[in-house]
Amino acid sequence: MTASAALVSAVLFDYGETLVSFRRPDAALATAYGRIERSLQARGWSSPSAAVLLRDVHDRVEDAFVAHQRSGALEEIDLIAVARQAYADLGLALDEATLDETLRIEQEAWWEGVRLDPEAVPAIDGLRARGLRVGLCSNAPYRIPSMHAQLRQVGLADHLDSVTFSGQIGWRKPSPRIFRAASEALGSPPVEIVMVGDSVSDD
């Protein structure tokens, strides 16, 4: 049986700019970094101001992410390591628990910038009602618990049969490794899966 003639048993969706759109939530990020500043100070750190943290940690990490995207590298960037180094360069050698807390606060601020396509859930539910399994496969190297929390926040989590993030696998689309992982998570062979996304080269 050729790929074109194979039975379709599952659908994989990209996340950003496919099921949701993003805008930078400046006010929420400023508030979040104010919380981070106060949290660091409460733990005994001599923290720079929220504005400095936002610029020298958040924006530095985002710049590294964009540069990595543009490089075309398929091995995923370790953004947690980038954030750890950004804090260290400010004189803040954060322990793992403190670093994780700062990343959680930052990522929750991004919930304010996520907008779910109003047709996303009806489309997914319609596919599942027809007996298809539906999963998500996304290039997202951010803190994995925060990404799953974001899916719950926007109302997608309960409508998906599987979720595969590049930050968990260590490889970005279009690497065969992330598609293989997504296929295994969804429980369908690749020949039976349709991929829906916003990028021909990646998806």
N, C-alpha and C. Protein backbone atom coordinates (compact mmCIF):
# COMPACT_ATOMS: atom_id res chain seq x y z
N MET A 1 0.85 -1.20 0.00
CA MET A 1 0.00 0.00 0.00
C MET A 1 0.88 1.24 0.00
N THR A 2 0.62 2.16 -0.89
CA THR A 2 1.39 3.39 -0.95
C THR A 2 0.91 4.35 0.12
N ALA A 3 1.78 5.36 0.41
CA ALA A 3 1.40 6.34 1.43
C ALA A 3 0.11 7.06 1.05
N SER A 4 -0.05 7.33 -0.24
CA SER A 4 -1.24 8.08 -0.66
C SER A 4 -2.51 7.25 -0.50
N ALA A 5 -2.35 5.90 -0.54
CA ALA A 5 -3.52 5.05 -0.43
C ALA A 5 -3.77 4.56 0.98
N ALA A 6 -2.86 4.88 1.90
CA ALA A 6 -2.97 4.37 3.26
C ALA A 6 -4.18 4.98 3.97
N LEU A 7 -4.73 4.20 4.86
CA LEU A 7 -5.81 4.70 5.70
C LEU A 7 -5.27 5.76 6.66
N VAL A 8 -5.96 6.88 6.78
CA VAL A 8 -5.59 7.90 7.76
C VAL A 8 -6.27 7.55 9.08
N SER A 9 -5.44 7.35 10.12
CA SER A 9 -6.00 7.00 11.42
C SER A 9 -5.79 8.09 12.46
N ALA A 10 -4.97 9.10 12.11
CA ALA A 10 -4.65 10.12 13.10
C ALA A 10 -4.23 11.42 12.43
N VAL A 11 -4.35 12.51 13.19
CA VAL A 11 -3.95 13.84 12.72
C VAL A 11 -3.07 14.48 13.78
N LEU A 12 -1.96 15.04 13.35
CA LEU A 12 -1.09 15.83 14.22
C LEU A 12 -1.22 17.30 13.86
N PHE A 13 -1.39 18.15 14.86
CA PHE A 13 -1.44 19.59 14.65
C PHE A 13 -0.18 20.24 15.21
N ASP A 14 0.32 21.22 14.50
CA ASP A 14 1.28 22.16 15.06
C ASP A 14 0.52 23.00 16.10
N TYR A 15 1.26 23.73 16.93
CA TYR A 15 0.62 24.54 17.98
C TYR A 15 0.58 26.02 17.59
N GLY A 16 1.72 26.71 17.71
CA GLY A 16 1.76 28.14 17.46
C GLY A 16 1.46 28.50 16.02
N GLU A 17 0.58 29.45 15.82
CA GLU A 17 0.14 29.96 14.53
C GLU A 17 -0.65 28.92 13.74
N THR A 18 -1.05 27.85 14.41
CA THR A 18 -1.95 26.86 13.82
C THR A 18 -3.20 26.72 14.68
N LEU A 19 -3.02 26.31 15.93
CA LEU A 19 -4.15 26.23 16.86
C LEU A 19 -4.28 27.49 17.70
N VAL A 20 -3.16 28.16 17.94
CA VAL A 20 -3.17 29.40 18.72
C VAL A 20 -2.30 30.44 18.03
N SER A 21 -2.52 31.69 18.41
CA SER A 21 -1.63 32.78 17.99
C SER A 21 -1.02 33.40 19.24
N PHE A 22 0.10 34.07 19.07
CA PHE A 22 0.81 34.67 20.19
C PHE A 22 1.04 36.16 19.96
N ARG A 23 0.95 36.93 21.03
CA ARG A 23 1.43 38.30 21.04
C ARG A 23 2.22 38.47 22.33
N ARG A 24 3.21 39.31 22.30
CA ARG A 24 4.02 39.52 23.50
C ARG A 24 3.20 40.25 24.56
N PRO A 25 3.00 39.66 25.74
CA PRO A 25 2.18 40.29 26.78
C PRO A 25 3.05 41.18 27.68
N ASP A 26 3.37 42.37 27.20
CA ASP A 26 4.35 43.22 27.89
C ASP A 26 3.97 43.52 29.33
N ALA A 27 2.72 43.86 29.58
CA ALA A 27 2.31 44.20 30.95
C ALA A 27 2.43 42.99 31.87
N ALA A 28 2.00 41.81 31.38
CA ALA A 28 2.08 40.60 32.20
C ALA A 28 3.53 40.21 32.47
N LEU A 29 4.41 40.40 31.48
CA LEU A 29 5.82 40.08 31.67
C LEU A 29 6.46 41.03 32.68
N ALA A 30 6.10 42.31 32.61
CA ALA A 30 6.64 43.27 33.57
C ALA A 30 6.21 42.90 34.99
N THR A 31 4.94 42.52 35.14
CA THR A 31 4.44 42.10 36.45
C THR A 31 5.16 40.84 36.92
N ALA A 32 5.34 39.89 36.02
CA ALA A 32 5.99 38.63 36.37
C ALA A 32 7.42 38.86 36.83
N TYR A 33 8.14 39.74 36.14
CA TYR A 33 9.53 39.96 36.53
C TYR A 33 9.63 40.79 37.81
N GLY A 34 8.58 41.54 38.11
CA GLY A 34 8.52 42.17 39.42
C GLY A 34 8.40 41.11 40.51
N ARG A 35 7.58 40.10 40.26
CA ARG A 35 7.45 38.99 41.20
C ARG A 35 8.77 38.24 41.34
N ILE A 36 9.44 38.03 40.22
CA ILE A 36 10.72 37.32 40.25
C ILE A 36 11.75 38.11 41.05
N GLU A 37 11.79 39.42 40.83
CA GLU A 37 12.72 40.27 41.59
C GLU A 37 12.47 40.14 43.08
N ARG A 38 11.22 40.24 43.49
CA ARG A 38 10.89 40.15 44.91
C ARG A 38 11.16 38.76 45.47
N SER A 39 10.90 37.73 44.67
CA SER A 39 11.16 36.37 45.11
C SER A 39 12.65 36.13 45.32
N LEU A 40 13.46 36.62 44.41
CA LEU A 40 14.91 36.46 44.55
C LEU A 40 15.43 37.20 45.78
N GLN A 41 14.92 38.40 45.99
CA GLN A 41 15.34 39.17 47.15
C GLN A 41 14.91 38.48 48.45
N ALA A 42 13.72 37.89 48.45
CA ALA A 42 13.24 37.19 49.64
C ALA A 42 14.08 35.97 49.95
N ARG A 43 14.71 35.40 48.91
CA ARG A 43 15.57 34.24 49.09
C ARG A 43 17.01 34.63 49.39
N GLY A 44 17.24 35.94 49.52
CA GLY A 44 18.57 36.41 49.90
C GLY A 44 19.47 36.81 48.76
N TRP A 45 18.94 36.81 47.54
CA TRP A 45 19.75 37.22 46.40
C TRP A 45 19.71 38.75 46.25
N SER A 46 20.80 39.31 45.78
CA SER A 46 20.83 40.73 45.46
C SER A 46 20.43 40.88 44.00
N SER A 47 19.15 41.01 43.78
CA SER A 47 18.61 40.96 42.42
C SER A 47 18.62 42.33 41.75
N PRO A 48 18.94 42.37 40.45
CA PRO A 48 18.72 43.61 39.69
C PRO A 48 17.23 43.92 39.62
N SER A 49 16.91 45.06 39.05
CA SER A 49 15.51 45.46 38.93
C SER A 49 14.77 44.54 37.96
N ALA A 50 13.45 44.58 38.05
CA ALA A 50 12.62 43.78 37.15
C ALA A 50 12.91 44.11 35.69
N ALA A 51 13.11 45.40 35.40
CA ALA A 51 13.37 45.80 34.02
C ALA A 51 14.68 45.21 33.51
N VAL A 52 15.68 45.17 34.36
CA VAL A 52 16.97 44.59 33.96
C VAL A 52 16.83 43.08 33.77
N LEU A 53 16.12 42.43 34.67
CA LEU A 53 15.90 40.99 34.54
C LEU A 53 15.14 40.67 33.26
N LEU A 54 14.13 41.45 32.95
CA LEU A 54 13.35 41.23 31.73
C LEU A 54 14.23 41.35 30.50
N ARG A 55 15.08 42.36 30.49
CA ARG A 55 15.94 42.60 29.34
C ARG A 55 17.07 41.56 29.24
N ASP A 56 17.72 41.31 30.37
CA ASP A 56 18.96 40.52 30.34
C ASP A 56 18.74 39.03 30.55
N VAL A 57 17.52 38.65 30.91
CA VAL A 57 17.22 37.21 31.01
C VAL A 57 16.17 36.84 29.95
N HIS A 58 14.95 37.33 30.12
CA HIS A 58 13.88 36.95 29.19
C HIS A 58 14.24 37.26 27.75
N ASP A 59 14.62 38.52 27.48
CA ASP A 59 14.86 38.90 26.09
C ASP A 59 16.11 38.23 25.53
N ARG A 60 17.08 37.99 26.38
CA ARG A 60 18.28 37.27 25.93
C ARG A 60 17.93 35.83 25.55
N VAL A 61 17.08 35.19 26.34
CA VAL A 61 16.65 33.83 26.03
C VAL A 61 15.84 33.80 24.74
N GLU A 62 14.93 34.75 24.58
CA GLU A 62 14.13 34.81 23.37
C GLU A 62 14.99 35.06 22.13
N ASP A 63 16.00 35.92 22.25
CA ASP A 63 16.91 36.17 21.13
C ASP A 63 17.68 34.90 20.76
N ALA A 64 18.08 34.13 21.77
CA ALA A 64 18.78 32.87 21.51
C ALA A 64 17.86 31.89 20.80
N PHE A 65 16.59 31.89 21.21
CA PHE A 65 15.61 31.00 20.58
C PHE A 65 15.42 31.35 19.12
N VAL A 66 15.24 32.63 18.83
CA VAL A 66 15.04 33.08 17.45
C VAL A 66 16.26 32.77 16.59
N ALA A 67 17.46 33.02 17.14
CA ALA A 67 18.69 32.73 16.39
C ALA A 67 18.80 31.24 16.09
N HIS A 68 18.40 30.42 17.05
CA HIS A 68 18.46 28.97 16.84
C HIS A 68 17.47 28.54 15.76
N GLN A 69 16.28 29.11 15.78
CA GLN A 69 15.29 28.83 14.74
C GLN A 69 15.86 29.15 13.36
N ARG A 70 16.46 30.30 13.26
CA ARG A 70 16.97 30.76 11.96
C ARG A 70 18.17 29.97 11.49
N SER A 71 18.87 29.34 12.42
CA SER A 71 20.06 28.58 12.04
C SER A 71 19.73 27.31 11.27
N GLY A 72 18.50 26.82 11.44
CA GLY A 72 18.11 25.59 10.79
C GLY A 72 18.57 24.33 11.50
N ALA A 73 19.20 24.48 12.65
CA ALA A 73 19.66 23.31 13.42
C ALA A 73 18.46 22.48 13.87
N LEU A 74 18.59 21.17 13.79
CA LEU A 74 17.49 20.30 14.18
C LEU A 74 17.57 19.85 15.63
N GLU A 75 18.76 19.82 16.21
CA GLU A 75 18.85 19.51 17.63
C GLU A 75 18.33 20.72 18.40
N GLU A 76 17.41 20.48 19.34
CA GLU A 76 16.76 21.59 20.02
C GLU A 76 17.70 22.31 20.98
N ILE A 77 17.50 23.61 21.09
CA ILE A 77 18.27 24.42 22.02
C ILE A 77 17.80 24.15 23.45
N ASP A 78 18.72 24.21 24.39
CA ASP A 78 18.39 24.06 25.81
C ASP A 78 18.18 25.45 26.39
N LEU A 79 16.93 25.92 26.36
CA LEU A 79 16.65 27.28 26.82
C LEU A 79 16.79 27.42 28.33
N ILE A 80 16.63 26.33 29.06
CA ILE A 80 16.83 26.40 30.51
C ILE A 80 18.29 26.70 30.81
N ALA A 81 19.19 26.08 30.06
CA ALA A 81 20.62 26.36 30.23
C ALA A 81 20.95 27.80 29.84
N VAL A 82 20.29 28.31 28.80
CA VAL A 82 20.50 29.70 28.39
C VAL A 82 20.04 30.64 29.50
N ALA A 83 18.88 30.36 30.10
CA ALA A 83 18.38 31.19 31.19
C ALA A 83 19.30 31.11 32.40
N ARG A 84 19.77 29.90 32.71
CA ARG A 84 20.69 29.74 33.84
C ARG A 84 21.93 30.60 33.66
N GLN A 85 22.48 30.61 32.44
CA GLN A 85 23.67 31.40 32.16
C GLN A 85 23.38 32.89 32.21
N ALA A 86 22.19 33.28 31.74
CA ALA A 86 21.81 34.70 31.77
C ALA A 86 21.75 35.20 33.20
N TYR A 87 21.15 34.41 34.10
CA TYR A 87 21.12 34.79 35.51
C TYR A 87 22.53 34.82 36.09
N ALA A 88 23.35 33.83 35.74
CA ALA A 88 24.72 33.78 36.26
C ALA A 88 25.52 35.01 35.84
N ASP A 89 25.29 35.48 34.62
CA ASP A 89 26.01 36.65 34.14
C ASP A 89 25.57 37.92 34.87
N LEU A 90 24.45 37.85 35.56
CA LEU A 90 24.00 38.96 36.41
C LEU A 90 24.45 38.76 37.85
N GLY A 91 25.26 37.74 38.08
CA GLY A 91 25.74 37.47 39.43
C GLY A 91 24.79 36.62 40.25
N LEU A 92 23.85 35.94 39.58
CA LEU A 92 22.84 35.14 40.26
C LEU A 92 23.01 33.68 39.85
N ALA A 93 23.80 32.94 40.60
CA ALA A 93 24.02 31.52 40.34
C ALA A 93 22.89 30.73 40.99
N LEU A 94 21.75 30.70 40.33
CA LEU A 94 20.54 30.15 40.93
C LEU A 94 20.60 28.63 41.05
N ASP A 95 20.10 28.11 42.17
CA ASP A 95 19.94 26.66 42.31
C ASP A 95 18.78 26.23 41.43
N GLU A 96 18.66 24.91 41.22
CA GLU A 96 17.67 24.39 40.28
C GLU A 96 16.24 24.77 40.68
N ALA A 97 15.93 24.68 41.95
CA ALA A 97 14.56 24.98 42.40
C ALA A 97 14.21 26.45 42.16
N THR A 98 15.16 27.34 42.45
CA THR A 98 14.91 28.78 42.26
C THR A 98 14.78 29.11 40.78
N LEU A 99 15.66 28.53 39.96
CA LEU A 99 15.59 28.76 38.52
C LEU A 99 14.26 28.26 37.97
N ASP A 100 13.82 27.09 38.39
CA ASP A 100 12.57 26.53 37.92
C ASP A 100 11.39 27.42 38.29
N GLU A 101 11.43 27.98 39.50
CA GLU A 101 10.36 28.87 39.92
C GLU A 101 10.31 30.13 39.08
N THR A 102 11.47 30.70 38.76
CA THR A 102 11.48 31.91 37.92
C THR A 102 10.93 31.60 36.53
N LEU A 103 11.28 30.44 36.00
CA LEU A 103 10.79 30.06 34.67
C LEU A 103 9.28 29.82 34.69
N ARG A 104 8.78 29.23 35.77
CA ARG A 104 7.34 29.01 35.89
C ARG A 104 6.59 30.34 35.90
N ILE A 105 7.07 31.28 36.69
CA ILE A 105 6.42 32.59 36.77
C ILE A 105 6.44 33.28 35.41
N GLU A 106 7.58 33.23 34.74
CA GLU A 106 7.71 33.86 33.42
C GLU A 106 6.75 33.23 32.41
N GLN A 107 6.72 31.90 32.36
CA GLN A 107 5.90 31.23 31.37
C GLN A 107 4.40 31.43 31.62
N GLU A 108 4.01 31.53 32.86
CA GLU A 108 2.60 31.79 33.14
C GLU A 108 2.18 33.18 32.68
N ALA A 109 3.12 34.11 32.67
CA ALA A 109 2.81 35.44 32.15
C ALA A 109 2.46 35.37 30.67
N TRP A 110 3.07 34.43 29.96
CA TRP A 110 2.80 34.30 28.53
C TRP A 110 1.39 33.82 28.23
N TRP A 111 0.70 33.26 29.23
CA TRP A 111 -0.68 32.86 29.00
C TRP A 111 -1.53 34.05 28.54
N GLU A 112 -1.14 35.24 29.01
CA GLU A 112 -1.90 36.44 28.63
C GLU A 112 -1.76 36.76 27.15
N GLY A 113 -0.73 36.20 26.51
CA GLY A 113 -0.49 36.50 25.10
C GLY A 113 -0.95 35.43 24.14
N VAL A 114 -1.60 34.38 24.66
CA VAL A 114 -2.02 33.25 23.82
C VAL A 114 -3.50 33.39 23.49
N ARG A 115 -3.81 33.24 22.22
CA ARG A 115 -5.22 33.29 21.79
C ARG A 115 -5.54 32.03 21.00
N LEU A 116 -6.52 31.26 21.50
CA LEU A 116 -6.94 30.03 20.84
C LEU A 116 -7.82 30.35 19.64
N ASP A 117 -7.53 29.74 18.50
CA ASP A 117 -8.39 29.88 17.33
C ASP A 117 -9.77 29.32 17.69
N PRO A 118 -10.82 30.09 17.50
CA PRO A 118 -12.15 29.62 17.90
C PRO A 118 -12.61 28.38 17.15
N GLU A 119 -11.99 28.06 16.03
CA GLU A 119 -12.37 26.87 15.27
C GLU A 119 -11.54 25.65 15.65
N ALA A 120 -10.53 25.84 16.53
CA ALA A 120 -9.60 24.75 16.83
C ALA A 120 -10.29 23.58 17.52
N VAL A 121 -10.96 23.84 18.63
CA VAL A 121 -11.58 22.75 19.39
C VAL A 121 -12.69 22.07 18.59
N PRO A 122 -13.60 22.81 17.93
CA PRO A 122 -14.60 22.12 17.11
C PRO A 122 -13.99 21.24 16.02
N ALA A 123 -12.89 21.70 15.41
CA ALA A 123 -12.24 20.90 14.38
C ALA A 123 -11.65 19.62 14.97
N ILE A 124 -10.96 19.76 16.11
CA ILE A 124 -10.35 18.59 16.76
C ILE A 124 -11.43 17.61 17.20
N ASP A 125 -12.48 18.12 17.84
CA ASP A 125 -13.54 17.25 18.31
C ASP A 125 -14.26 16.56 17.15
N GLY A 126 -14.37 17.26 16.04
CA GLY A 126 -15.00 16.66 14.86
C GLY A 126 -14.18 15.50 14.32
N LEU A 127 -12.87 15.66 14.31
CA LEU A 127 -12.00 14.57 13.85
C LEU A 127 -12.08 13.37 14.78
N ARG A 128 -12.06 13.65 16.08
CA ARG A 128 -12.12 12.54 17.06
C ARG A 128 -13.47 11.84 17.00
N ALA A 129 -14.53 12.58 16.72
CA ALA A 129 -15.86 11.98 16.61
C ALA A 129 -15.93 11.01 15.43
N ARG A 130 -15.04 11.21 14.45
CA ARG A 130 -14.98 10.33 13.29
C ARG A 130 -14.01 9.16 13.51
N GLY A 131 -13.51 9.02 14.73
CA GLY A 131 -12.65 7.89 15.06
C GLY A 131 -11.18 8.13 14.88
N LEU A 132 -10.79 9.37 14.55
CA LEU A 132 -9.38 9.68 14.38
C LEU A 132 -8.76 10.09 15.72
N ARG A 133 -7.53 9.69 15.95
CA ARG A 133 -6.79 10.20 17.09
C ARG A 133 -6.15 11.52 16.69
N VAL A 134 -6.08 12.44 17.64
CA VAL A 134 -5.56 13.78 17.35
C VAL A 134 -4.47 14.13 18.36
N GLY A 135 -3.31 14.53 17.86
CA GLY A 135 -2.21 14.92 18.72
C GLY A 135 -1.63 16.25 18.33
N LEU A 136 -0.72 16.71 19.16
CA LEU A 136 -0.02 17.98 18.94
C LEU A 136 1.47 17.69 18.82
N CYS A 137 2.13 18.34 17.88
CA CYS A 137 3.58 18.20 17.71
C CYS A 137 4.14 19.59 17.44
N SER A 138 4.92 20.11 18.40
CA SER A 138 5.30 21.52 18.35
C SER A 138 6.78 21.73 18.67
N ASN A 139 7.40 22.65 17.95
CA ASN A 139 8.73 23.12 18.29
C ASN A 139 8.59 24.12 19.45
N ALA A 140 8.79 23.64 20.65
CA ALA A 140 8.63 24.46 21.85
C ALA A 140 9.66 24.02 22.88
N PRO A 141 10.79 24.73 22.98
CA PRO A 141 11.86 24.32 23.89
C PRO A 141 11.74 24.91 25.29
N TYR A 142 10.54 25.31 25.66
CA TYR A 142 10.34 25.95 26.95
C TYR A 142 10.11 24.90 28.05
N ARG A 143 9.98 25.37 29.28
CA ARG A 143 9.75 24.50 30.43
C ARG A 143 8.52 23.61 30.17
N ILE A 144 8.74 22.30 30.14
CA ILE A 144 7.69 21.38 29.72
C ILE A 144 6.44 21.43 30.61
N PRO A 145 6.56 21.41 31.95
CA PRO A 145 5.34 21.51 32.76
C PRO A 145 4.53 22.78 32.46
N SER A 146 5.24 23.87 32.14
CA SER A 146 4.55 25.13 31.81
C SER A 146 3.80 25.02 30.49
N MET A 147 4.38 24.31 29.52
CA MET A 147 3.70 24.15 28.24
C MET A 147 2.42 23.32 28.40
N HIS A 148 2.49 22.26 29.20
CA HIS A 148 1.28 21.47 29.44
C HIS A 148 0.24 22.30 30.22
N ALA A 149 0.71 23.12 31.15
CA ALA A 149 -0.20 24.00 31.88
C ALA A 149 -0.85 25.01 30.94
N GLN A 150 -0.08 25.48 29.95
CA GLN A 150 -0.63 26.42 28.97
C GLN A 150 -1.73 25.75 28.15
N LEU A 151 -1.54 24.50 27.78
CA LEU A 151 -2.57 23.78 27.04
C LEU A 151 -3.86 23.67 27.85
N ARG A 152 -3.71 23.43 29.16
CA ARG A 152 -4.90 23.39 30.01
C ARG A 152 -5.54 24.77 30.10
N GLN A 153 -4.71 25.80 30.21
CA GLN A 153 -5.22 27.16 30.36
C GLN A 153 -6.03 27.60 29.14
N VAL A 154 -5.56 27.26 27.95
CA VAL A 154 -6.28 27.70 26.74
C VAL A 154 -7.43 26.78 26.38
N GLY A 155 -7.52 25.63 27.06
CA GLY A 155 -8.65 24.74 26.84
C GLY A 155 -8.43 23.65 25.81
N LEU A 156 -7.17 23.31 25.53
CA LEU A 156 -6.88 22.28 24.53
C LEU A 156 -6.57 20.92 25.13
N ALA A 157 -6.06 20.89 26.35
CA ALA A 157 -5.49 19.67 26.91
C ALA A 157 -6.45 18.48 26.85
N ASP A 158 -7.70 18.69 27.19
CA ASP A 158 -8.66 17.59 27.26
C ASP A 158 -9.16 17.13 25.89
N HIS A 159 -8.74 17.82 24.84
CA HIS A 159 -9.20 17.47 23.49
C HIS A 159 -8.12 16.77 22.66
N LEU A 160 -6.96 16.51 23.26
CA LEU A 160 -5.85 15.92 22.53
C LEU A 160 -5.53 14.53 23.07
N ASP A 161 -5.19 13.62 22.17
CA ASP A 161 -4.80 12.27 22.57
C ASP A 161 -3.32 12.16 22.89
N SER A 162 -2.52 13.07 22.39
CA SER A 162 -1.08 13.06 22.69
C SER A 162 -0.51 14.46 22.49
N VAL A 163 0.59 14.72 23.17
CA VAL A 163 1.28 16.01 23.05
C VAL A 163 2.78 15.72 22.98
N THR A 164 3.45 16.27 21.97
CA THR A 164 4.89 16.08 21.80
C THR A 164 5.54 17.45 21.59
N PHE A 165 6.41 17.83 22.51
CA PHE A 165 7.14 19.10 22.41
C PHE A 165 8.62 18.82 22.13
N SER A 166 9.21 19.66 21.31
CA SER A 166 10.63 19.49 20.98
C SER A 166 11.52 19.60 22.21
N GLY A 167 11.10 20.42 23.19
CA GLY A 167 11.89 20.56 24.40
C GLY A 167 11.98 19.28 25.20
N GLN A 168 11.03 18.40 25.00
CA GLN A 168 11.00 17.11 25.69
C GLN A 168 11.81 16.07 24.92
N ILE A 169 11.75 16.14 23.59
CA ILE A 169 12.41 15.14 22.74
C ILE A 169 13.88 15.49 22.49
N GLY A 170 14.17 16.80 22.43
CA GLY A 170 15.53 17.24 22.15
C GLY A 170 15.81 17.48 20.68
N TRP A 171 14.78 17.32 19.84
CA TRP A 171 14.92 17.52 18.40
C TRP A 171 13.73 18.31 17.88
N ARG A 172 13.98 19.16 16.89
CA ARG A 172 12.97 20.04 16.32
C ARG A 172 12.43 19.48 15.01
N LYS A 173 11.19 19.82 14.71
CA LYS A 173 10.70 19.57 13.35
C LYS A 173 11.56 20.38 12.37
N PRO A 174 11.93 19.83 11.22
CA PRO A 174 11.43 18.60 10.63
C PRO A 174 12.29 17.35 10.88
N SER A 175 12.98 17.28 11.99
CA SER A 175 13.75 16.08 12.28
C SER A 175 12.84 14.86 12.33
N PRO A 176 13.24 13.76 11.69
CA PRO A 176 12.44 12.53 11.80
C PRO A 176 12.28 12.07 13.25
N ARG A 177 13.21 12.46 14.13
CA ARG A 177 13.15 11.97 15.51
C ARG A 177 11.93 12.50 16.25
N ILE A 178 11.59 13.75 16.04
CA ILE A 178 10.41 14.27 16.75
C ILE A 178 9.13 13.72 16.14
N PHE A 179 9.11 13.54 14.81
CA PHE A 179 7.92 12.96 14.19
C PHE A 179 7.74 11.50 14.61
N ARG A 180 8.87 10.79 14.77
CA ARG A 180 8.79 9.40 15.23
C ARG A 180 8.22 9.36 16.66
N ALA A 181 8.70 10.26 17.50
CA ALA A 181 8.21 10.32 18.88
C ALA A 181 6.72 10.66 18.91
N ALA A 182 6.30 11.60 18.06
CA ALA A 182 4.90 11.98 18.01
C ALA A 182 4.03 10.83 17.50
N SER A 183 4.54 10.10 16.53
CA SER A 183 3.83 8.94 16.00
C SER A 183 3.64 7.88 17.08
N GLU A 184 4.70 7.61 17.84
CA GLU A 184 4.61 6.61 18.91
C GLU A 184 3.64 7.06 20.00
N ALA A 185 3.69 8.35 20.34
CA ALA A 185 2.79 8.87 21.37
C ALA A 185 1.33 8.77 20.93
N LEU A 186 1.10 8.97 19.65
CA LEU A 186 -0.26 8.96 19.12
C LEU A 186 -0.76 7.53 18.89
N GLY A 187 0.19 6.60 18.72
CA GLY A 187 -0.20 5.20 18.52
C GLY A 187 -0.59 4.85 17.11
N SER A 188 -0.10 5.63 16.14
CA SER A 188 -0.34 5.35 14.73
C SER A 188 0.97 5.37 13.96
N PRO A 189 1.13 4.52 12.96
CA PRO A 189 2.34 4.59 12.13
C PRO A 189 2.35 5.87 11.31
N PRO A 190 3.54 6.38 10.99
CA PRO A 190 3.61 7.66 10.26
C PRO A 190 2.81 7.68 8.96
N VAL A 191 2.74 6.55 8.27
CA VAL A 191 2.04 6.51 6.99
C VAL A 191 0.55 6.77 7.13
N GLU A 192 0.03 6.64 8.36
CA GLU A 192 -1.40 6.85 8.58
C GLU A 192 -1.72 8.20 9.23
N ILE A 193 -0.70 9.06 9.36
CA ILE A 193 -0.89 10.34 10.05
C ILE A 193 -0.83 11.51 9.08
N VAL A 194 -1.78 12.43 9.20
CA VAL A 194 -1.75 13.69 8.47
C VAL A 194 -1.20 14.77 9.42
N MET A 195 -0.24 15.56 8.95
CA MET A 195 0.33 16.66 9.75
C MET A 195 -0.26 17.97 9.26
N VAL A 196 -0.78 18.77 10.18
CA VAL A 196 -1.37 20.08 9.86
C VAL A 196 -0.57 21.16 10.57
N GLY A 197 -0.05 22.11 9.79
CA GLY A 197 0.75 23.17 10.41
C GLY A 197 0.79 24.41 9.56
N ASP A 198 1.65 25.33 9.96
CA ASP A 198 1.74 26.62 9.27
C ASP A 198 3.01 26.76 8.45
N SER A 199 3.85 25.70 8.42
CA SER A 199 5.13 25.79 7.73
C SER A 199 5.36 24.53 6.90
N VAL A 200 5.47 24.69 5.59
CA VAL A 200 5.72 23.54 4.73
C VAL A 200 7.05 22.89 5.07
N SER A 201 8.07 23.70 5.34
CA SER A 201 9.40 23.17 5.60
C SER A 201 9.47 22.43 6.93
N ASP A 202 8.77 22.92 7.94
CA ASP A 202 8.83 22.30 9.27
C ASP A 202 7.81 21.18 9.43
N ASP A 203 6.62 21.39 8.90
CA ASP A 203 5.50 20.49 9.19
C ASP A 203 5.23 19.46 8.09
